[in-house]
N, C-alpha and C. Protein backbone atom coordinates (compact mmCIF):
# COMPACT_ATOMS: atom_id res chain seq x y z
N MET A 1 48.17 -28.67 1.12
CA MET A 1 46.86 -28.63 0.51
C MET A 1 46.69 -27.30 -0.21
N THR A 2 46.30 -27.33 -1.46
CA THR A 2 46.11 -26.12 -2.23
C THR A 2 44.73 -25.53 -1.95
N ARG A 3 44.68 -24.24 -2.01
CA ARG A 3 43.43 -23.55 -1.75
C ARG A 3 42.64 -23.43 -3.04
N ARG A 4 41.38 -23.79 -2.98
CA ARG A 4 40.54 -23.74 -4.16
C ARG A 4 40.10 -22.30 -4.39
N ARG A 5 40.33 -21.77 -5.56
CA ARG A 5 40.03 -20.38 -5.86
C ARG A 5 38.76 -20.22 -6.70
N ASP A 6 38.41 -21.21 -7.51
CA ASP A 6 37.23 -21.12 -8.36
C ASP A 6 36.06 -21.77 -7.65
N LEU A 7 35.03 -20.97 -7.33
CA LEU A 7 33.87 -21.48 -6.62
C LEU A 7 32.70 -21.64 -7.57
N THR A 8 31.93 -22.69 -7.37
CA THR A 8 30.72 -22.88 -8.14
C THR A 8 29.67 -21.90 -7.62
N PRO A 9 28.62 -21.64 -8.38
CA PRO A 9 27.56 -20.75 -7.87
C PRO A 9 26.97 -21.26 -6.56
N GLU A 10 26.85 -22.58 -6.41
CA GLU A 10 26.33 -23.14 -5.16
C GLU A 10 27.28 -22.85 -4.00
N ASP A 11 28.60 -22.99 -4.27
CA ASP A 11 29.58 -22.71 -3.23
C ASP A 11 29.52 -21.24 -2.81
N ARG A 12 29.35 -20.34 -3.81
CA ARG A 12 29.27 -18.92 -3.49
C ARG A 12 28.04 -18.62 -2.63
N ALA A 13 26.92 -19.27 -2.95
CA ALA A 13 25.69 -19.05 -2.18
C ALA A 13 25.88 -19.54 -0.74
N VAL A 14 26.51 -20.69 -0.58
CA VAL A 14 26.77 -21.21 0.77
C VAL A 14 27.71 -20.27 1.50
N TRP A 15 28.74 -19.80 0.81
CA TRP A 15 29.70 -18.89 1.45
C TRP A 15 29.00 -17.62 1.94
N ARG A 16 28.13 -17.06 1.10
CA ARG A 16 27.43 -15.83 1.50
C ARG A 16 26.55 -16.08 2.72
N ARG A 17 25.88 -17.23 2.77
CA ARG A 17 25.05 -17.54 3.95
C ARG A 17 25.90 -17.66 5.20
N VAL A 18 27.03 -18.34 5.10
CA VAL A 18 27.91 -18.51 6.26
C VAL A 18 28.53 -17.18 6.66
N ALA A 19 28.97 -16.39 5.70
CA ALA A 19 29.64 -15.12 5.98
C ALA A 19 28.71 -14.15 6.70
N ARG A 20 27.40 -14.24 6.44
CA ARG A 20 26.47 -13.36 7.14
C ARG A 20 26.34 -13.70 8.61
N THR A 21 26.72 -14.90 9.02
CA THR A 21 26.53 -15.33 10.41
C THR A 21 27.75 -15.11 11.28
N VAL A 22 28.86 -14.67 10.71
CA VAL A 22 30.08 -14.51 11.49
C VAL A 22 30.59 -13.08 11.39
N SER A 23 31.42 -12.72 12.34
CA SER A 23 32.10 -11.44 12.26
C SER A 23 33.60 -11.72 12.36
N PRO A 24 34.39 -10.99 11.60
CA PRO A 24 35.83 -11.27 11.58
C PRO A 24 36.49 -10.89 12.91
N ARG A 25 37.61 -11.52 13.18
CA ARG A 25 38.37 -11.17 14.37
C ARG A 25 38.89 -9.75 14.22
N GLU A 26 39.23 -9.16 15.34
CA GLU A 26 39.71 -7.78 15.35
C GLU A 26 40.92 -7.63 14.42
N GLY A 27 40.88 -6.63 13.58
CA GLY A 27 41.99 -6.36 12.68
C GLY A 27 41.95 -7.19 11.41
N ARG A 28 40.91 -7.98 11.22
CA ARG A 28 40.80 -8.81 10.01
C ARG A 28 39.52 -8.48 9.29
N LYS A 29 39.44 -8.90 8.02
CA LYS A 29 38.20 -8.76 7.29
C LYS A 29 37.91 -10.08 6.59
N LEU A 30 36.64 -10.28 6.25
CA LEU A 30 36.24 -11.51 5.58
C LEU A 30 36.83 -11.55 4.18
N PRO A 31 37.33 -12.72 3.75
CA PRO A 31 37.85 -12.81 2.38
C PRO A 31 36.73 -12.70 1.36
N ASP A 32 37.08 -12.25 0.18
CA ASP A 32 36.13 -12.11 -0.92
C ASP A 32 35.75 -13.50 -1.43
N PRO A 33 34.45 -13.83 -1.52
CA PRO A 33 34.07 -15.15 -1.99
C PRO A 33 34.18 -15.33 -3.49
N GLU A 34 34.37 -14.25 -4.23
CA GLU A 34 34.47 -14.35 -5.68
C GLU A 34 35.80 -14.98 -6.08
N PRO A 35 35.80 -15.80 -7.12
CA PRO A 35 37.04 -16.45 -7.53
C PRO A 35 38.03 -15.46 -8.11
N VAL A 36 39.30 -15.75 -7.91
CA VAL A 36 40.36 -14.94 -8.49
C VAL A 36 40.95 -15.79 -9.61
N SER A 37 40.62 -15.43 -10.84
CA SER A 37 41.06 -16.22 -11.98
C SER A 37 42.32 -15.61 -12.57
N LYS A 38 43.31 -16.45 -12.83
CA LYS A 38 44.56 -15.95 -13.40
C LYS A 38 44.39 -15.59 -14.87
N SER A 39 43.54 -16.32 -15.56
CA SER A 39 43.27 -16.00 -16.96
C SER A 39 41.82 -15.57 -17.07
N ALA A 40 41.61 -14.30 -17.39
CA ALA A 40 40.27 -13.73 -17.36
C ALA A 40 39.33 -14.39 -18.37
N GLY A 41 39.83 -14.85 -19.52
CA GLY A 41 38.96 -15.40 -20.55
C GLY A 41 38.65 -16.88 -20.36
N ALA A 42 39.41 -17.59 -19.56
CA ALA A 42 39.20 -19.03 -19.40
C ALA A 42 38.00 -19.30 -18.50
N PRO A 43 37.20 -20.32 -18.82
CA PRO A 43 36.07 -20.65 -17.95
C PRO A 43 36.58 -21.17 -16.61
N ALA A 44 35.87 -20.87 -15.53
CA ALA A 44 36.29 -21.26 -14.18
C ALA A 44 36.23 -22.77 -13.99
N SER A 45 35.17 -23.40 -14.45
CA SER A 45 35.05 -24.85 -14.31
C SER A 45 34.02 -25.36 -15.29
N LYS A 46 33.99 -26.67 -15.45
CA LYS A 46 33.05 -27.30 -16.34
C LYS A 46 31.64 -27.19 -15.73
N PRO A 47 30.63 -26.77 -16.51
CA PRO A 47 29.29 -26.64 -15.93
C PRO A 47 28.76 -27.99 -15.46
N LYS A 48 28.04 -27.95 -14.37
CA LYS A 48 27.46 -29.18 -13.81
C LYS A 48 26.13 -29.46 -14.49
N PRO A 49 25.76 -30.74 -14.60
CA PRO A 49 24.47 -31.06 -15.20
C PRO A 49 23.33 -30.54 -14.32
N GLN A 50 22.23 -30.17 -14.96
CA GLN A 50 21.08 -29.65 -14.23
C GLN A 50 20.43 -30.76 -13.41
N ARG A 51 20.05 -30.41 -12.19
CA ARG A 51 19.36 -31.36 -11.32
C ARG A 51 17.87 -31.27 -11.58
N PRO A 52 17.13 -32.37 -11.33
CA PRO A 52 15.68 -32.29 -11.49
C PRO A 52 15.09 -31.34 -10.44
N ALA A 53 13.93 -30.81 -10.73
CA ALA A 53 13.28 -29.87 -9.81
C ALA A 53 13.07 -30.53 -8.45
N ALA A 54 13.28 -29.76 -7.42
CA ALA A 54 13.13 -30.28 -6.05
C ALA A 54 11.66 -30.42 -5.70
N ALA A 55 11.39 -31.32 -4.76
CA ALA A 55 10.03 -31.52 -4.28
C ALA A 55 9.59 -30.28 -3.52
N PRO A 56 8.28 -30.05 -3.42
CA PRO A 56 7.82 -28.87 -2.69
C PRO A 56 8.29 -28.92 -1.23
N ALA A 57 8.53 -27.74 -0.68
CA ALA A 57 9.02 -27.64 0.70
C ALA A 57 7.95 -28.12 1.68
N PRO A 58 8.38 -28.74 2.80
CA PRO A 58 7.40 -29.17 3.79
C PRO A 58 6.71 -27.96 4.41
N LYS A 59 5.52 -28.18 5.00
CA LYS A 59 4.73 -27.09 5.56
C LYS A 59 5.46 -26.40 6.70
N ALA A 60 6.05 -27.16 7.60
CA ALA A 60 6.76 -26.57 8.74
C ALA A 60 8.24 -26.91 8.61
N ALA A 61 9.07 -25.91 8.74
CA ALA A 61 10.51 -26.14 8.65
C ALA A 61 10.98 -26.87 9.90
N PRO A 62 11.95 -27.79 9.76
CA PRO A 62 12.45 -28.48 10.94
C PRO A 62 13.17 -27.49 11.85
N PRO A 63 13.22 -27.77 13.15
CA PRO A 63 13.88 -26.83 14.06
C PRO A 63 15.35 -26.67 13.71
N ARG A 64 15.83 -25.44 13.85
CA ARG A 64 17.25 -25.19 13.60
C ARG A 64 18.06 -25.80 14.71
N PRO A 65 19.25 -26.32 14.39
CA PRO A 65 20.10 -26.82 15.46
C PRO A 65 20.51 -25.66 16.36
N PRO A 66 20.58 -25.93 17.65
CA PRO A 66 20.92 -24.84 18.56
C PRO A 66 22.35 -24.38 18.37
N GLY A 67 22.55 -23.13 18.50
CA GLY A 67 23.88 -22.56 18.48
C GLY A 67 24.13 -21.91 19.82
N PRO A 68 25.25 -21.31 19.96
CA PRO A 68 25.48 -20.61 21.22
C PRO A 68 24.38 -19.58 21.45
N ALA A 69 23.86 -19.55 22.66
CA ALA A 69 22.78 -18.64 23.00
C ALA A 69 23.26 -17.20 22.98
N ASP A 70 22.31 -16.29 22.93
CA ASP A 70 22.71 -14.89 22.94
C ASP A 70 23.35 -14.54 24.27
N VAL A 71 24.29 -13.64 24.23
CA VAL A 71 25.04 -13.26 25.42
C VAL A 71 24.13 -12.61 26.44
N SER A 72 23.12 -11.88 25.99
CA SER A 72 22.25 -11.20 26.94
C SER A 72 21.47 -12.21 27.78
N GLY A 73 21.08 -13.34 27.19
CA GLY A 73 20.39 -14.38 27.96
C GLY A 73 21.29 -14.94 29.04
N GLU A 74 22.54 -15.17 28.70
CA GLU A 74 23.50 -15.68 29.68
C GLU A 74 23.73 -14.65 30.78
N LYS A 75 23.78 -13.37 30.41
CA LYS A 75 23.96 -12.31 31.41
C LYS A 75 22.77 -12.25 32.36
N ARG A 76 21.56 -12.44 31.83
CA ARG A 76 20.37 -12.40 32.68
C ARG A 76 20.39 -13.53 33.70
N VAL A 77 20.89 -14.70 33.31
CA VAL A 77 21.00 -15.81 34.26
C VAL A 77 22.04 -15.48 35.31
N ARG A 78 23.21 -14.97 34.89
CA ARG A 78 24.27 -14.62 35.84
C ARG A 78 23.81 -13.59 36.85
N ARG A 79 23.03 -12.63 36.39
CA ARG A 79 22.59 -11.54 37.27
C ARG A 79 21.38 -11.91 38.11
N GLY A 80 20.88 -13.13 37.92
CA GLY A 80 19.76 -13.58 38.74
C GLY A 80 18.40 -13.15 38.22
N ARG A 81 18.33 -12.57 37.02
CA ARG A 81 17.04 -12.16 36.47
C ARG A 81 16.28 -13.34 35.89
N ILE A 82 17.00 -14.36 35.48
CA ILE A 82 16.38 -15.61 35.03
C ILE A 82 16.90 -16.70 35.94
N GLU A 83 15.99 -17.48 36.46
CA GLU A 83 16.37 -18.53 37.40
C GLU A 83 16.68 -19.83 36.65
N VAL A 84 17.71 -20.52 37.10
CA VAL A 84 18.00 -21.84 36.57
C VAL A 84 16.95 -22.79 37.14
N GLU A 85 16.18 -23.40 36.26
CA GLU A 85 15.04 -24.20 36.70
C GLU A 85 15.35 -25.68 36.85
N GLY A 86 16.49 -26.11 36.39
CA GLY A 86 16.87 -27.50 36.53
C GLY A 86 18.35 -27.66 36.30
N ARG A 87 18.93 -28.68 36.91
CA ARG A 87 20.35 -28.93 36.69
C ARG A 87 20.61 -30.42 36.68
N ILE A 88 21.64 -30.80 35.94
CA ILE A 88 22.08 -32.19 35.89
C ILE A 88 23.60 -32.19 35.88
N ASP A 89 24.16 -33.12 36.64
CA ASP A 89 25.61 -33.26 36.73
C ASP A 89 26.00 -34.56 36.02
N LEU A 90 26.82 -34.44 34.99
CA LEU A 90 27.20 -35.60 34.18
C LEU A 90 28.57 -36.15 34.55
N HIS A 91 29.15 -35.67 35.68
CA HIS A 91 30.45 -36.17 36.14
C HIS A 91 30.40 -37.68 36.33
N GLY A 92 31.46 -38.34 35.98
CA GLY A 92 31.61 -39.77 36.27
C GLY A 92 30.88 -40.69 35.31
N LEU A 93 30.20 -40.15 34.32
CA LEU A 93 29.48 -40.98 33.36
C LEU A 93 30.31 -41.14 32.10
N ASN A 94 30.15 -42.29 31.42
CA ASN A 94 30.79 -42.40 30.12
C ASN A 94 29.96 -41.59 29.13
N GLN A 95 30.49 -41.33 27.94
CA GLN A 95 29.80 -40.42 27.03
C GLN A 95 28.46 -40.96 26.54
N ASP A 96 28.32 -42.25 26.38
CA ASP A 96 27.04 -42.81 25.94
C ASP A 96 25.97 -42.61 27.01
N GLN A 97 26.32 -42.90 28.26
CA GLN A 97 25.37 -42.74 29.35
C GLN A 97 25.07 -41.26 29.58
N ALA A 98 26.08 -40.41 29.47
CA ALA A 98 25.88 -38.97 29.66
C ALA A 98 24.93 -38.43 28.60
N ARG A 99 25.11 -38.84 27.35
CA ARG A 99 24.24 -38.37 26.26
C ARG A 99 22.81 -38.81 26.50
N ALA A 100 22.63 -40.08 26.87
CA ALA A 100 21.28 -40.61 27.11
C ALA A 100 20.61 -39.89 28.28
N ASP A 101 21.34 -39.70 29.37
CA ASP A 101 20.79 -39.01 30.54
C ASP A 101 20.46 -37.56 30.22
N LEU A 102 21.32 -36.90 29.45
CA LEU A 102 21.09 -35.51 29.08
C LEU A 102 19.83 -35.38 28.22
N LEU A 103 19.67 -36.24 27.23
CA LEU A 103 18.49 -36.17 26.38
C LEU A 103 17.23 -36.40 27.21
N ASP A 104 17.24 -37.40 28.07
CA ASP A 104 16.09 -37.68 28.93
C ASP A 104 15.77 -36.48 29.82
N PHE A 105 16.80 -35.88 30.39
CA PHE A 105 16.63 -34.71 31.27
C PHE A 105 16.01 -33.54 30.52
N ILE A 106 16.50 -33.26 29.33
CA ILE A 106 15.99 -32.14 28.55
C ILE A 106 14.55 -32.38 28.10
N VAL A 107 14.23 -33.60 27.69
CA VAL A 107 12.86 -33.92 27.27
C VAL A 107 11.90 -33.75 28.44
N ARG A 108 12.29 -34.26 29.62
CA ARG A 108 11.44 -34.11 30.81
C ARG A 108 11.28 -32.64 31.20
N ALA A 109 12.38 -31.87 31.11
CA ALA A 109 12.32 -30.45 31.46
C ALA A 109 11.38 -29.71 30.51
N ARG A 110 11.41 -30.04 29.25
CA ARG A 110 10.52 -29.39 28.29
C ARG A 110 9.06 -29.74 28.58
N ALA A 111 8.81 -31.00 28.92
CA ALA A 111 7.45 -31.42 29.26
C ALA A 111 6.94 -30.68 30.49
N GLN A 112 7.84 -30.34 31.40
CA GLN A 112 7.48 -29.61 32.62
C GLN A 112 7.53 -28.10 32.41
N GLU A 113 7.75 -27.68 31.16
CA GLU A 113 7.81 -26.28 30.75
C GLU A 113 8.91 -25.49 31.45
N LYS A 114 10.03 -26.16 31.71
CA LYS A 114 11.21 -25.47 32.24
C LYS A 114 11.94 -24.88 31.05
N ARG A 115 12.52 -23.68 31.21
CA ARG A 115 13.15 -23.00 30.09
C ARG A 115 14.66 -22.88 30.19
N THR A 116 15.21 -22.77 31.40
CA THR A 116 16.65 -22.58 31.57
C THR A 116 17.21 -23.70 32.43
N LEU A 117 18.18 -24.41 31.88
CA LEU A 117 18.79 -25.55 32.58
C LEU A 117 20.28 -25.31 32.73
N LEU A 118 20.85 -25.90 33.77
CA LEU A 118 22.29 -25.87 33.98
C LEU A 118 22.79 -27.29 33.78
N ILE A 119 23.69 -27.47 32.83
CA ILE A 119 24.26 -28.78 32.53
C ILE A 119 25.72 -28.75 32.97
N ILE A 120 26.07 -29.59 33.93
CA ILE A 120 27.44 -29.64 34.44
C ILE A 120 28.14 -30.81 33.76
N THR A 121 29.11 -30.48 32.92
CA THR A 121 29.84 -31.50 32.18
C THR A 121 31.16 -31.83 32.83
N GLY A 122 31.71 -30.90 33.59
CA GLY A 122 33.05 -31.06 34.13
C GLY A 122 34.06 -30.63 33.08
N LYS A 123 35.28 -30.39 33.52
CA LYS A 123 36.32 -29.93 32.62
C LYS A 123 37.21 -31.06 32.13
N GLY A 124 37.20 -32.19 32.80
CA GLY A 124 38.11 -33.26 32.44
C GLY A 124 39.45 -33.05 33.12
N LYS A 125 40.29 -34.06 33.04
CA LYS A 125 41.58 -33.99 33.73
C LYS A 125 42.50 -32.93 33.17
N SER A 126 42.52 -32.74 31.87
CA SER A 126 43.43 -31.76 31.27
C SER A 126 42.70 -30.53 30.73
N GLY A 127 41.46 -30.34 31.15
CA GLY A 127 40.70 -29.19 30.68
C GLY A 127 39.91 -29.44 29.41
N GLU A 128 40.02 -30.60 28.83
CA GLU A 128 39.29 -30.96 27.61
C GLU A 128 38.57 -32.28 27.83
N GLY A 129 37.62 -32.31 28.73
CA GLY A 129 36.87 -33.52 29.01
C GLY A 129 36.07 -33.97 27.80
N VAL A 130 35.84 -35.27 27.71
CA VAL A 130 35.12 -35.83 26.57
C VAL A 130 33.69 -35.32 26.53
N ILE A 131 33.01 -35.31 27.66
CA ILE A 131 31.62 -34.87 27.69
C ILE A 131 31.54 -33.38 27.33
N ARG A 132 32.43 -32.59 27.88
CA ARG A 132 32.45 -31.15 27.60
C ARG A 132 32.71 -30.90 26.11
N ARG A 133 33.61 -31.66 25.53
CA ARG A 133 33.96 -31.49 24.12
C ARG A 133 32.82 -31.93 23.21
N ARG A 134 32.11 -32.99 23.57
CA ARG A 134 31.04 -33.54 22.72
C ARG A 134 29.70 -32.80 22.89
N PHE A 135 29.56 -32.08 23.98
CA PHE A 135 28.29 -31.41 24.31
C PHE A 135 27.71 -30.60 23.16
N PRO A 136 28.46 -29.68 22.51
CA PRO A 136 27.88 -28.91 21.40
C PRO A 136 27.44 -29.80 20.23
N ASP A 137 28.18 -30.87 19.96
CA ASP A 137 27.80 -31.79 18.88
C ASP A 137 26.48 -32.48 19.21
N TRP A 138 26.33 -32.87 20.45
CA TRP A 138 25.08 -33.52 20.86
C TRP A 138 23.90 -32.57 20.66
N LEU A 139 24.05 -31.32 21.10
CA LEU A 139 22.95 -30.37 20.99
C LEU A 139 22.60 -30.06 19.54
N ALA A 140 23.56 -30.19 18.64
CA ALA A 140 23.30 -29.93 17.22
C ALA A 140 22.60 -31.10 16.53
N SER A 141 22.58 -32.27 17.18
CA SER A 141 21.95 -33.44 16.56
C SER A 141 20.43 -33.28 16.57
N PRO A 142 19.73 -33.93 15.64
CA PRO A 142 18.27 -33.79 15.56
C PRO A 142 17.54 -34.20 16.84
N ASP A 143 18.07 -35.17 17.57
CA ASP A 143 17.42 -35.59 18.82
C ASP A 143 17.29 -34.43 19.78
N PHE A 144 18.34 -33.63 19.90
CA PHE A 144 18.36 -32.53 20.85
C PHE A 144 17.79 -31.24 20.27
N SER A 145 18.06 -30.97 18.99
CA SER A 145 17.69 -29.67 18.42
C SER A 145 16.18 -29.45 18.40
N ALA A 146 15.40 -30.51 18.47
CA ALA A 146 13.96 -30.36 18.55
C ALA A 146 13.53 -29.79 19.90
N HIS A 147 14.40 -29.88 20.91
CA HIS A 147 14.06 -29.46 22.27
C HIS A 147 14.86 -28.26 22.76
N VAL A 148 16.02 -27.99 22.15
CA VAL A 148 16.94 -26.97 22.66
C VAL A 148 17.00 -25.80 21.67
N SER A 149 16.90 -24.57 22.21
CA SER A 149 16.99 -23.41 21.34
C SER A 149 18.37 -22.75 21.37
N GLY A 150 19.16 -23.00 22.41
CA GLY A 150 20.50 -22.42 22.46
C GLY A 150 21.21 -22.80 23.74
N TYR A 151 22.48 -22.44 23.80
CA TYR A 151 23.28 -22.73 24.99
C TYR A 151 24.37 -21.68 25.12
N ALA A 152 24.94 -21.59 26.33
CA ALA A 152 26.03 -20.65 26.59
C ALA A 152 26.87 -21.21 27.72
N PRO A 153 28.15 -20.86 27.76
CA PRO A 153 28.99 -21.29 28.89
C PRO A 153 28.45 -20.67 30.18
N ALA A 154 28.55 -21.42 31.25
CA ALA A 154 28.03 -20.96 32.54
C ALA A 154 28.98 -19.98 33.21
N HIS A 155 28.43 -19.15 34.08
CA HIS A 155 29.21 -18.24 34.91
C HIS A 155 30.00 -19.05 35.93
N VAL A 156 31.08 -18.49 36.42
CA VAL A 156 31.93 -19.18 37.39
C VAL A 156 31.11 -19.66 38.60
N ARG A 157 30.15 -18.86 39.01
CA ARG A 157 29.29 -19.23 40.14
C ARG A 157 28.53 -20.54 39.88
N HIS A 158 28.26 -20.83 38.61
CA HIS A 158 27.52 -22.05 38.25
C HIS A 158 28.40 -23.15 37.68
N GLY A 159 29.70 -23.00 37.73
CA GLY A 159 30.57 -24.05 37.23
C GLY A 159 31.55 -23.61 36.17
N GLY A 160 31.42 -22.39 35.67
CA GLY A 160 32.37 -21.84 34.71
C GLY A 160 32.54 -22.70 33.48
N GLY A 161 33.79 -22.99 33.12
CA GLY A 161 34.11 -23.73 31.91
C GLY A 161 33.66 -25.17 31.93
N GLY A 162 33.23 -25.67 33.06
CA GLY A 162 32.76 -27.06 33.15
C GLY A 162 31.26 -27.18 33.16
N ALA A 163 30.55 -26.11 32.77
CA ALA A 163 29.09 -26.14 32.79
C ALA A 163 28.54 -25.23 31.69
N PHE A 164 27.29 -25.48 31.34
CA PHE A 164 26.61 -24.71 30.29
C PHE A 164 25.19 -24.41 30.72
N TYR A 165 24.69 -23.25 30.27
CA TYR A 165 23.27 -22.95 30.38
C TYR A 165 22.64 -23.45 29.08
N VAL A 166 21.48 -24.06 29.18
CA VAL A 166 20.75 -24.53 28.01
C VAL A 166 19.36 -23.92 28.04
N ARG A 167 18.96 -23.30 26.92
CA ARG A 167 17.61 -22.77 26.79
C ARG A 167 16.75 -23.81 26.07
N VAL A 168 15.65 -24.16 26.69
CA VAL A 168 14.75 -25.18 26.16
C VAL A 168 13.67 -24.50 25.34
N ARG A 169 13.31 -25.10 24.22
CA ARG A 169 12.24 -24.55 23.39
C ARG A 169 10.91 -24.61 24.14
N ARG A 170 10.03 -23.71 23.80
CA ARG A 170 8.70 -23.72 24.40
C ARG A 170 7.96 -24.98 23.94
N LYS A 171 7.13 -25.47 24.82
CA LYS A 171 6.31 -26.64 24.50
C LYS A 171 5.31 -26.26 23.44
N GLU A 172 5.18 -27.09 22.41
CA GLU A 172 4.27 -26.79 21.31
C GLU A 172 2.84 -27.00 21.76
N ALA A 173 1.94 -26.15 21.24
CA ALA A 173 0.53 -26.21 21.66
C ALA A 173 -0.18 -27.38 21.07
């Protein structure tokens, strides 16, 4: 697969947004998003037709999909400064049932104004269980992102690699 070197202005804008959210691995730096053109005078690409003006933005922005929670929040749970207010064990369930049970559990926890949950997914037979692997995708879906503000891997005391802490959004007034 060849690497695309000429980026459209939209691609550059997306790249800049993504680049601001990550940090490079040790000893590496982020690649330059600007195109490297072999012929300086040649146009990079054919201009795209103009799109019609977008509709006005909605009054309230939709909730952002949850990402990994801040490390300090996970540390506070490990150190006992924040109590785990609810837990669910998804062992032995198929992925459809696990997803449905998890969504129901999180919605009920939010209604009860619980903020920190422990979700036990298990590791699976070879360390890559289906529920554990799908968990971040589920939380990023609109069904869950309206209720979840973030997540982090659990401490060994709470299940380690087979469990996650989930931070629930505050109940709206």
